Amino acid sequence: MHLLDKVISENINLAFFQDEVEMDEEIQRRDGRVEVRRKGSIKILAEWLQKYFHAQDEAFEDIEAIFVTFKKIRKMRQKPARTTRENIFDEACFKQQIY
């Protein structure tokens, strides 16, 4: 999952979006202070598509499905990326990547 996530997100050229969408976002913290964070590559791509690409209903649903899949892959990667475990072959991961 980690490799699949990297293939998707690290192959998005952020320089392409530099002058098209904001690269940072402001997030208000509980204490009232504002924190500036760098947006992720998938979020930047999604914002660019929403700004410049106006699809018909069927195509819009396809685009939404793409980002649902991107987020699913990212979520599946989160836990294994932050833990250490024995290096084993698990066919379940292969099946999850297909579906």
C-alpha atoms as a PDB file:
ATOM      1  CA  MET A   1       0.000   0.000   0.000  1.00  0.00           C
ATOM      2  CA  HIS A   2       2.855   2.331   0.812  1.00  0.00           C
ATOM      3  CA  LEU A   3       4.359   1.874  -2.636  1.00  0.00           C
ATOM      4  CA  LEU A   4       0.999   2.306  -4.363  1.00  0.00           C
ATOM      5  CA  ASP A   5       0.385   5.522  -2.406  1.00  0.00           C
ATOM      6  CA  LYS A   6       3.809   6.829  -3.384  1.00  0.00           C
ATOM      7  CA  VAL A   7       3.206   6.020  -7.049  1.00  0.00           C
ATOM      8  CA  ILE A   8       0.037   8.108  -6.957  1.00  0.00           C
ATOM      9  CA  SER A   9       0.930  11.071  -4.784  1.00  0.00           C
ATOM     10  CA  GLU A  10       4.643  11.492  -5.488  1.00  0.00           C
ATOM     11  CA  ASN A  11       4.136  11.527  -9.240  1.00  0.00           C
ATOM     12  CA  ILE A  12       1.967  14.641  -9.079  1.00  0.00           C
ATOM     13  CA  ASN A  13       4.130  17.557 -10.227  1.00  0.00           C
ATOM     14  CA  LEU A  14       3.307  20.335  -7.762  1.00  0.00           C
ATOM     15  CA  ALA A  15       5.163  22.915  -9.858  1.00  0.00           C
ATOM     16  CA  PHE A  16       2.423  22.564 -12.485  1.00  0.00           C
ATOM     17  CA  PHE A  17      -0.165  23.884  -9.989  1.00  0.00           C
ATOM     18  CA  GLN A  18       2.048  26.620  -8.491  1.00  0.00           C
ATOM     19  CA  ASP A  19       0.196  29.610  -9.968  1.00  0.00           C
ATOM     20  CA  GLU A  20      -3.169  27.881 -10.305  1.00  0.00           C
ATOM     21  CA  VAL A  21      -4.209  26.946  -6.743  1.00  0.00           C
ATOM     22  CA  GLU A  22      -3.092  27.840  -3.238  1.00  0.00           C
ATOM     23  CA  MET A  23      -0.375  25.520  -1.991  1.00  0.00           C
ATOM     24  CA  ASP A  24      -0.970  26.293   1.690  1.00  0.00           C
ATOM     25  CA  GLU A  25      -4.063  26.368   3.856  1.00  0.00           C
ATOM     26  CA  GLU A  26      -4.851  28.180   7.075  1.00  0.00           C
ATOM     27  CA  ILE A  27      -6.259  26.084   9.895  1.00  0.00           C
ATOM     28  CA  GLN A  28      -7.659  27.615  13.045  1.00  0.00           C
ATOM     29  CA  ARG A  29      -6.485  25.834  16.162  1.00  0.00           C
ATOM     30  CA  ARG A  30      -8.511  25.381  19.339  1.00  0.00           C
ATOM     31  CA  ASP A  31      -6.552  28.141  21.051  1.00  0.00           C
ATOM     32  CA  GLY A  32      -7.648  30.583  18.326  1.00  0.00           C
ATOM     33  CA  ARG A  33      -4.266  30.835  16.616  1.00  0.00           C
ATOM     34  CA  VAL A  34      -4.021  30.212  12.890  1.00  0.00           C
ATOM     35  CA  GLU A  35      -1.629  27.577  11.606  1.00  0.00           C
ATOM     36  CA  VAL A  36      -0.434  27.544   7.997  1.00  0.00           C
ATOM     37  CA  ARG A  37       0.029  24.060   6.553  1.00  0.00           C
ATOM     38  CA  ARG A  38       1.212  22.829   3.193  1.00  0.00           C
ATOM     39  CA  LYS A  39      -1.530  21.042   1.252  1.00  0.00           C
ATOM     40  CA  GLY A  40      -0.942  17.508   0.076  1.00  0.00           C
ATOM     41  CA  SER A  41      -0.491  16.688  -3.591  1.00  0.00           C
ATOM     42  CA  ILE A  42      -3.798  14.826  -3.884  1.00  0.00           C
ATOM     43  CA  LYS A  43      -5.714  17.724  -2.336  1.00  0.00           C
ATOM     44  CA  ILE A  44      -4.019  20.190  -4.691  1.00  0.00           C
ATOM     45  CA  LEU A  45      -4.925  18.042  -7.698  1.00  0.00           C
ATOM     46  CA  ALA A  46      -8.546  17.813  -6.529  1.00  0.00           C
ATOM     47  CA  GLU A  47      -8.804  21.586  -6.058  1.00  0.00           C
ATOM     48  CA  TRP A  48      -7.306  22.220  -9.503  1.00  0.00           C
ATOM     49  CA  LEU A  49      -9.784  19.847 -11.130  1.00  0.00           C
ATOM     50  CA  GLN A  50     -12.691  21.508  -9.331  1.00  0.00           C
ATOM     51  CA  LYS A  51     -11.484  24.932 -10.429  1.00  0.00           C
ATOM     52  CA  TYR A  52     -10.790  24.216 -14.109  1.00  0.00           C
ATOM     53  CA  PHE A  53     -12.681  21.093 -15.093  1.00  0.00           C
ATOM     54  CA  HIS A  54     -16.462  21.208 -15.353  1.00  0.00           C
ATOM     55  CA  ALA A  55     -17.755  17.753 -16.144  1.00  0.00           C
ATOM     56  CA  GLN A  56     -21.186  16.422 -16.861  1.00  0.00           C
ATOM     57  CA  ASP A  57     -22.819  14.353 -14.138  1.00  0.00           C
ATOM     58  CA  GLU A  58     -21.435  10.978 -15.245  1.00  0.00           C
ATOM     59  CA  ALA A  59     -17.870  12.241 -15.619  1.00  0.00           C
ATOM     60  CA  PHE A  60     -18.087  14.110 -12.313  1.00  0.00           C
ATOM     61  CA  GLU A  61     -19.046  10.884 -10.562  1.00  0.00           C
ATOM     62  CA  ASP A  62     -16.023   9.180 -12.132  1.00  0.00           C
ATOM     63  CA  ILE A  63     -13.731  11.938 -10.885  1.00  0.00           C
ATOM     64  CA  GLU A  64     -15.213  11.683  -7.397  1.00  0.00           C
ATOM     65  CA  ALA A  65     -14.624   7.912  -7.496  1.00  0.00           C
ATOM     66  CA  ILE A  66     -10.961   8.495  -8.323  1.00  0.00           C
ATOM     67  CA  PHE A  67     -10.456  10.628  -5.226  1.00  0.00           C
ATOM     68  CA  VAL A  68     -12.425   8.210  -3.045  1.00  0.00           C
ATOM     69  CA  THR A  69      -9.970   5.539  -4.200  1.00  0.00           C
ATOM     70  CA  PHE A  70      -6.946   7.813  -3.563  1.00  0.00           C
ATOM     71  CA  LYS A  71      -8.198   8.460  -0.017  1.00  0.00           C
ATOM     72  CA  LYS A  72      -8.856   4.754   0.547  1.00  0.00           C
ATOM     73  CA  ILE A  73      -5.298   3.914  -0.506  1.00  0.00           C
ATOM     74  CA  ARG A  74      -3.915   6.653   1.755  1.00  0.00           C
ATOM     75  CA  LYS A  75      -5.952   5.343   4.709  1.00  0.00           C
ATOM     76  CA  MET A  76      -4.823   1.762   4.103  1.00  0.00           C
ATOM     77  CA  ARG A  77      -1.217   2.923   4.072  1.00  0.00           C
ATOM     78  CA  GLN A  78      -1.390   4.926   7.299  1.00  0.00           C
ATOM     79  CA  LYS A  79      -1.169   2.128   9.861  1.00  0.00           C
ATOM     80  CA  PRO A  80       1.506  -0.012   8.151  1.00  0.00           C
ATOM     81  CA  ALA A  81       3.587   3.085   7.425  1.00  0.00           C
ATOM     82  CA  ARG A  82       3.812   3.923  11.124  1.00  0.00           C
ATOM     83  CA  THR A  83       4.461   0.484  12.590  1.00  0.00           C
ATOM     84  CA  THR A  84       7.216  -2.073  12.419  1.00  0.00           C
ATOM     85  CA  ARG A  85       6.288  -5.629  11.593  1.00  0.00           C
ATOM     86  CA  GLU A  86       7.848  -8.747  10.187  1.00  0.00           C
ATOM     87  CA  ASN A  87       8.344  -8.660   6.424  1.00  0.00           C
ATOM     88  CA  ILE A  88       5.788 -11.189   5.189  1.00  0.00           C
ATOM     89  CA  PHE A  89       3.953 -11.785   1.951  1.00  0.00           C
ATOM     90  CA  ASP A  90       0.261 -11.177   2.459  1.00  0.00           C
ATOM     91  CA  GLU A  91      -1.959 -11.900  -0.531  1.00  0.00           C
ATOM     92  CA  ALA A  92      -4.785  -9.918   1.092  1.00  0.00           C
ATOM     93  CA  CYS A  93      -2.903  -6.705   0.245  1.00  0.00           C
ATOM     94  CA  PHE A  94      -2.733  -7.722  -3.400  1.00  0.00           C
ATOM     95  CA  LYS A  95      -6.477  -8.414  -3.463  1.00  0.00           C
ATOM     96  CA  GLN A  96      -7.193  -5.030  -1.812  1.00  0.00           C
ATOM     97  CA  GLN A  97      -5.200  -3.224  -4.501  1.00  0.00           C
ATOM     98  CA  ILE A  98      -7.273  -4.822  -7.246  1.00  0.00           C
ATOM     99  CA  TYR A  99     -10.613  -3.816  -5.754  1.00  0.00           C
END
